[in-house]
Amino acid sequence: MSHEYKLEFTSETMAGHVLDVLKQSDSCVAADEEFVYLKDRVIKTEAIFDVRMSHEDQRSLWLEVNFKSLALFDVVRAAIGECQFRCLEDGDVDNEVTLSEAFLIRDITRPEPNRRS
């Protein structure tokens, strides 16, 4: 069962930048004009992808997480860097979660990228 989140960035160029960085990562197993597919090569699930991202507009991406993966959390977190963003479960503005929650990681001790307050 997958979980979907909308990542809303404060910068107009950040969504495209994140996708470009993810396309260059070792975790990227496929990419086209619409989607970037990431796979955790350590956990070796049978799924074609473990995480999929798509571009919604200049300020937002859709994130689909199929499996808990600390490695892919780290890849996405690194691509976002210090940019401020909101992570909205199912795109619901009243249901903001952390990026670690989106990746099904509940007890994480690493700092997350700056979130917009």
N, C-alpha and C. Protein backbone atom coordinates (compact mmCIF):
# COMPACT_ATOMS: atom_id res chain seq x y z
N MET A 1 0.84 -1.18 0.00
CA MET A 1 0.00 0.00 0.00
C MET A 1 0.88 1.24 0.00
N SER A 2 0.62 2.12 -0.92
CA SER A 2 1.44 3.33 -0.99
C SER A 2 0.78 4.47 -0.23
N HIS A 3 1.61 5.43 0.12
CA HIS A 3 1.18 6.63 0.82
C HIS A 3 1.61 7.82 -0.05
N GLU A 4 0.73 8.80 -0.20
CA GLU A 4 1.02 9.94 -1.07
C GLU A 4 1.07 11.24 -0.29
N TYR A 5 2.01 12.09 -0.70
CA TYR A 5 2.24 13.37 -0.04
C TYR A 5 2.53 14.43 -1.09
N LYS A 6 2.11 15.63 -0.79
CA LYS A 6 2.45 16.77 -1.63
C LYS A 6 3.53 17.56 -0.91
N LEU A 7 4.64 17.78 -1.59
CA LEU A 7 5.71 18.62 -1.05
C LEU A 7 5.57 20.00 -1.67
N GLU A 8 5.31 20.99 -0.84
CA GLU A 8 5.17 22.37 -1.29
C GLU A 8 6.39 23.16 -0.86
N PHE A 9 7.07 23.75 -1.82
CA PHE A 9 8.29 24.51 -1.56
C PHE A 9 8.02 26.00 -1.60
N THR A 10 8.86 26.75 -0.89
CA THR A 10 8.73 28.21 -0.92
C THR A 10 9.40 28.80 -2.16
N SER A 11 10.36 28.08 -2.73
CA SER A 11 11.08 28.54 -3.91
C SER A 11 10.42 28.02 -5.18
N GLU A 12 10.32 28.87 -6.20
CA GLU A 12 9.71 28.47 -7.46
C GLU A 12 10.57 27.50 -8.26
N THR A 13 11.85 27.41 -7.97
CA THR A 13 12.72 26.54 -8.75
C THR A 13 13.06 25.23 -8.03
N MET A 14 12.62 25.09 -6.80
CA MET A 14 13.06 23.95 -5.99
C MET A 14 12.50 22.62 -6.47
N ALA A 15 11.27 22.55 -6.88
CA ALA A 15 10.68 21.27 -7.31
C ALA A 15 11.48 20.68 -8.47
N GLY A 16 11.79 21.48 -9.45
CA GLY A 16 12.59 21.01 -10.58
C GLY A 16 13.99 20.61 -10.17
N HIS A 17 14.56 21.37 -9.26
CA HIS A 17 15.91 21.07 -8.76
C HIS A 17 15.93 19.72 -8.05
N VAL A 18 14.95 19.47 -7.19
CA VAL A 18 14.89 18.20 -6.46
C VAL A 18 14.81 17.03 -7.44
N LEU A 19 13.95 17.14 -8.44
CA LEU A 19 13.84 16.06 -9.42
C LEU A 19 15.15 15.85 -10.18
N ASP A 20 15.82 16.93 -10.55
CA ASP A 20 17.10 16.81 -11.26
C ASP A 20 18.14 16.10 -10.40
N VAL A 21 18.21 16.44 -9.12
CA VAL A 21 19.15 15.78 -8.21
C VAL A 21 18.81 14.31 -8.06
N LEU A 22 17.54 14.00 -7.90
CA LEU A 22 17.12 12.60 -7.73
C LEU A 22 17.41 11.76 -8.97
N LYS A 23 17.27 12.36 -10.15
CA LYS A 23 17.57 11.64 -11.40
C LYS A 23 19.04 11.23 -11.47
N GLN A 24 19.90 12.00 -10.82
CA GLN A 24 21.34 11.72 -10.84
C GLN A 24 21.78 10.77 -9.72
N SER A 25 20.89 10.45 -8.81
CA SER A 25 21.27 9.63 -7.66
C SER A 25 21.40 8.16 -8.05
N ASP A 26 22.17 7.42 -7.28
CA ASP A 26 22.33 5.98 -7.49
C ASP A 26 21.03 5.23 -7.24
N SER A 27 20.11 5.82 -6.52
CA SER A 27 18.83 5.18 -6.20
C SER A 27 17.82 5.28 -7.33
N CYS A 28 18.08 6.12 -8.31
CA CYS A 28 17.16 6.30 -9.43
C CYS A 28 17.24 5.09 -10.36
N VAL A 29 16.11 4.40 -10.53
CA VAL A 29 16.07 3.23 -11.42
C VAL A 29 15.41 3.56 -12.75
N ALA A 30 14.67 4.66 -12.80
CA ALA A 30 14.04 5.10 -14.05
C ALA A 30 13.56 6.53 -13.87
N ALA A 31 13.49 7.23 -14.98
CA ALA A 31 12.97 8.59 -14.97
C ALA A 31 12.44 8.91 -16.36
N ASP A 32 11.36 9.64 -16.41
CA ASP A 32 10.84 10.13 -17.68
C ASP A 32 10.40 11.56 -17.46
N GLU A 33 9.67 12.12 -18.39
CA GLU A 33 9.27 13.52 -18.25
C GLU A 33 8.29 13.73 -17.09
N GLU A 34 7.60 12.68 -16.68
CA GLU A 34 6.59 12.83 -15.63
C GLU A 34 7.04 12.34 -14.26
N PHE A 35 7.80 11.26 -14.20
CA PHE A 35 8.13 10.62 -12.93
C PHE A 35 9.61 10.34 -12.76
N VAL A 36 10.03 10.28 -11.48
CA VAL A 36 11.34 9.77 -11.09
C VAL A 36 11.07 8.60 -10.14
N TYR A 37 11.67 7.45 -10.45
CA TYR A 37 11.46 6.23 -9.68
C TYR A 37 12.72 5.90 -8.90
N LEU A 38 12.58 5.70 -7.59
CA LEU A 38 13.71 5.39 -6.73
C LEU A 38 13.53 4.01 -6.13
N LYS A 39 14.66 3.33 -5.92
CA LYS A 39 14.64 1.99 -5.36
C LYS A 39 15.72 1.89 -4.29
N ASP A 40 15.36 1.33 -3.15
CA ASP A 40 16.33 1.05 -2.09
C ASP A 40 16.98 -0.27 -2.46
N ARG A 41 18.22 -0.22 -2.88
CA ARG A 41 18.91 -1.42 -3.38
C ARG A 41 19.31 -2.38 -2.27
N VAL A 42 19.24 -1.94 -1.02
CA VAL A 42 19.60 -2.82 0.11
C VAL A 42 18.43 -3.70 0.51
N ILE A 43 17.23 -3.13 0.62
CA ILE A 43 16.10 -3.93 1.09
C ILE A 43 15.54 -4.86 0.01
N LYS A 44 15.81 -4.57 -1.25
CA LYS A 44 15.48 -5.46 -2.37
C LYS A 44 14.03 -5.94 -2.37
N THR A 45 13.11 -5.01 -2.37
CA THR A 45 11.69 -5.38 -2.50
C THR A 45 11.43 -5.87 -3.91
N GLU A 46 10.33 -6.54 -4.09
CA GLU A 46 9.97 -7.04 -5.42
C GLU A 46 9.28 -5.97 -6.27
N ALA A 47 8.96 -4.86 -5.67
CA ALA A 47 8.28 -3.79 -6.38
C ALA A 47 9.21 -3.16 -7.42
N ILE A 48 8.63 -2.62 -8.45
CA ILE A 48 9.41 -1.96 -9.49
C ILE A 48 10.10 -0.71 -8.94
N PHE A 49 9.41 -0.02 -8.01
CA PHE A 49 9.99 1.15 -7.36
C PHE A 49 9.53 1.17 -5.91
N ASP A 50 10.31 1.84 -5.08
CA ASP A 50 9.94 2.01 -3.67
C ASP A 50 9.40 3.42 -3.40
N VAL A 51 9.88 4.37 -4.19
CA VAL A 51 9.44 5.76 -4.08
C VAL A 51 9.31 6.33 -5.48
N ARG A 52 8.24 7.08 -5.70
CA ARG A 52 8.05 7.75 -6.99
C ARG A 52 7.73 9.20 -6.72
N MET A 53 8.35 10.09 -7.51
CA MET A 53 8.07 11.52 -7.40
C MET A 53 7.62 12.04 -8.75
N SER A 54 6.69 12.97 -8.70
CA SER A 54 6.24 13.61 -9.93
C SER A 54 6.10 15.11 -9.69
N HIS A 55 6.24 15.84 -10.76
CA HIS A 55 6.19 17.30 -10.75
C HIS A 55 4.74 17.73 -10.87
N GLU A 56 4.27 18.52 -9.92
CA GLU A 56 2.91 19.05 -10.05
C GLU A 56 2.95 20.44 -10.68
N ASP A 57 3.78 21.31 -10.13
CA ASP A 57 3.97 22.64 -10.68
C ASP A 57 5.32 23.16 -10.21
N GLN A 58 5.62 24.43 -10.43
CA GLN A 58 6.94 24.97 -10.10
C GLN A 58 7.26 24.90 -8.62
N ARG A 59 6.26 24.87 -7.78
CA ARG A 59 6.49 24.88 -6.33
C ARG A 59 6.14 23.57 -5.63
N SER A 60 5.71 22.54 -6.35
CA SER A 60 5.30 21.34 -5.64
C SER A 60 5.58 20.05 -6.41
N LEU A 61 5.75 19.00 -5.61
CA LEU A 61 5.97 17.64 -6.11
C LEU A 61 5.00 16.71 -5.40
N TRP A 62 4.68 15.61 -6.06
CA TRP A 62 3.94 14.53 -5.40
C TRP A 62 4.93 13.42 -5.09
N LEU A 63 4.86 12.93 -3.88
CA LEU A 63 5.73 11.87 -3.39
C LEU A 63 4.86 10.66 -3.07
N GLU A 64 5.20 9.53 -3.65
CA GLU A 64 4.51 8.27 -3.36
C GLU A 64 5.52 7.33 -2.73
N VAL A 65 5.23 6.89 -1.51
CA VAL A 65 6.13 6.00 -0.77
C VAL A 65 5.47 4.64 -0.66
N ASN A 66 6.14 3.62 -1.19
CA ASN A 66 5.61 2.25 -1.13
C ASN A 66 6.15 1.47 0.05
N PHE A 67 7.40 1.75 0.45
CA PHE A 67 8.05 0.99 1.51
C PHE A 67 8.87 1.90 2.40
N LYS A 68 8.93 1.56 3.67
CA LYS A 68 9.78 2.27 4.63
C LYS A 68 11.23 2.14 4.16
N SER A 69 11.94 3.27 4.09
CA SER A 69 13.32 3.23 3.62
C SER A 69 14.10 4.43 4.17
N LEU A 70 14.97 4.15 5.09
CA LEU A 70 15.84 5.20 5.62
C LEU A 70 16.80 5.69 4.53
N ALA A 71 17.27 4.79 3.69
CA ALA A 71 18.19 5.17 2.62
C ALA A 71 17.54 6.16 1.65
N LEU A 72 16.31 5.89 1.24
CA LEU A 72 15.64 6.80 0.31
C LEU A 72 15.22 8.10 1.00
N PHE A 73 14.89 8.03 2.27
CA PHE A 73 14.65 9.25 3.04
C PHE A 73 15.89 10.14 2.96
N ASP A 74 17.07 9.55 3.18
CA ASP A 74 18.31 10.31 3.14
C ASP A 74 18.56 10.91 1.76
N VAL A 75 18.24 10.17 0.69
CA VAL A 75 18.43 10.67 -0.68
C VAL A 75 17.53 11.87 -0.94
N VAL A 76 16.27 11.76 -0.57
CA VAL A 76 15.33 12.86 -0.80
C VAL A 76 15.67 14.05 0.10
N ARG A 77 16.00 13.78 1.34
CA ARG A 77 16.38 14.86 2.26
C ARG A 77 17.59 15.63 1.73
N ALA A 78 18.57 14.91 1.21
CA ALA A 78 19.76 15.56 0.65
C ALA A 78 19.40 16.40 -0.59
N ALA A 79 18.48 15.90 -1.41
CA ALA A 79 18.06 16.65 -2.61
C ALA A 79 17.35 17.94 -2.23
N ILE A 80 16.58 17.91 -1.15
CA ILE A 80 15.87 19.10 -0.69
C ILE A 80 16.83 20.09 -0.03
N GLY A 81 17.82 19.57 0.66
CA GLY A 81 18.80 20.44 1.33
C GLY A 81 18.14 21.29 2.40
N GLU A 82 18.46 22.55 2.41
CA GLU A 82 17.96 23.47 3.44
C GLU A 82 16.71 24.24 3.01
N CYS A 83 16.17 23.92 1.86
CA CYS A 83 14.98 24.63 1.38
C CYS A 83 13.80 24.38 2.30
N GLN A 84 13.01 25.41 2.52
CA GLN A 84 11.82 25.27 3.35
C GLN A 84 10.69 24.66 2.52
N PHE A 85 9.92 23.77 3.15
CA PHE A 85 8.84 23.09 2.45
C PHE A 85 7.80 22.61 3.45
N ARG A 86 6.66 22.21 2.92
CA ARG A 86 5.61 21.57 3.71
C ARG A 86 5.36 20.20 3.09
N CYS A 87 5.13 19.21 3.91
CA CYS A 87 4.82 17.86 3.46
C CYS A 87 3.38 17.56 3.89
N LEU A 88 2.49 17.48 2.91
CA LEU A 88 1.06 17.37 3.19
C LEU A 88 0.55 15.98 2.79
N GLU A 89 0.08 15.23 3.78
CA GLU A 89 -0.44 13.89 3.50
C GLU A 89 -1.67 14.00 2.60
N ASP A 90 -1.64 13.27 1.49
CA ASP A 90 -2.70 13.30 0.47
C ASP A 90 -2.98 14.71 -0.04
N GLY A 91 -2.02 15.64 0.12
CA GLY A 91 -2.19 17.01 -0.34
C GLY A 91 -3.10 17.85 0.53
N ASP A 92 -3.49 17.32 1.68
CA ASP A 92 -4.42 18.01 2.59
C ASP A 92 -3.68 19.07 3.40
N VAL A 93 -4.04 20.32 3.22
CA VAL A 93 -3.34 21.41 3.91
C VAL A 93 -3.51 21.33 5.42
N ASP A 94 -4.50 20.62 5.89
CA ASP A 94 -4.72 20.47 7.33
C ASP A 94 -4.03 19.24 7.90
N ASN A 95 -3.25 18.53 7.08
CA ASN A 95 -2.61 17.31 7.55
C ASN A 95 -1.12 17.32 7.18
N GLU A 96 -0.38 18.25 7.79
CA GLU A 96 1.06 18.35 7.54
C GLU A 96 1.80 17.34 8.39
N VAL A 97 2.75 16.64 7.77
CA VAL A 97 3.57 15.65 8.47
C VAL A 97 5.04 15.96 8.20
N THR A 98 5.92 15.32 8.93
CA THR A 98 7.35 15.47 8.66
C THR A 98 7.74 14.56 7.51
N LEU A 99 8.86 14.84 6.90
CA LEU A 99 9.36 13.99 5.83
C LEU A 99 9.65 12.58 6.35
N SER A 100 10.15 12.48 7.56
CA SER A 100 10.42 11.14 8.12
C SER A 100 9.12 10.36 8.30
N GLU A 101 8.04 11.03 8.68
CA GLU A 101 6.75 10.35 8.77
C GLU A 101 6.28 9.88 7.40
N ALA A 102 6.53 10.68 6.37
CA ALA A 102 6.16 10.28 5.02
C ALA A 102 6.90 9.02 4.59
N PHE A 103 8.11 8.88 5.05
CA PHE A 103 8.90 7.70 4.72
C PHE A 103 8.70 6.58 5.73
N LEU A 104 7.67 6.73 6.57
CA LEU A 104 7.27 5.71 7.53
C LEU A 104 8.35 5.47 8.58
N ILE A 105 9.15 6.49 8.84
CA ILE A 105 10.21 6.41 9.84
C ILE A 105 9.76 7.26 11.02
N ARG A 106 9.40 6.62 12.09
CA ARG A 106 8.82 7.33 13.23
C ARG A 106 9.85 7.89 14.20
N ASP A 107 10.88 7.12 14.51
CA ASP A 107 11.86 7.53 15.51
C ASP A 107 13.18 7.85 14.85
N ILE A 108 13.31 9.06 14.37
CA ILE A 108 14.54 9.44 13.67
C ILE A 108 15.24 10.53 14.47
N THR A 109 16.53 10.39 14.59
CA THR A 109 17.29 11.35 15.39
C THR A 109 18.02 12.37 14.52
N ARG A 110 17.99 12.20 13.22
CA ARG A 110 18.67 13.14 12.32
C ARG A 110 17.80 14.36 12.10
N PRO A 111 18.42 15.53 11.98
CA PRO A 111 17.61 16.73 11.71
C PRO A 111 17.04 16.69 10.30
N GLU A 112 15.85 17.20 10.14
CA GLU A 112 15.23 17.26 8.83
C GLU A 112 15.50 18.64 8.23
N PRO A 113 15.30 18.77 6.89
CA PRO A 113 15.43 20.08 6.28
C PRO A 113 14.44 21.05 6.91
N ASN A 114 14.74 22.32 6.77
CA ASN A 114 13.86 23.34 7.35
C ASN A 114 12.48 23.22 6.76
N ARG A 115 11.51 23.18 7.62
CA ARG A 115 10.12 23.19 7.18
C ARG A 115 9.60 24.60 7.35
N ARG A 116 8.66 24.95 6.50
CA ARG A 116 8.05 26.28 6.58
C ARG A 116 7.13 26.30 7.79
N SER A 117 7.22 27.33 8.56
CA SER A 117 6.37 27.45 9.76
C SER A 117 5.02 27.99 9.43
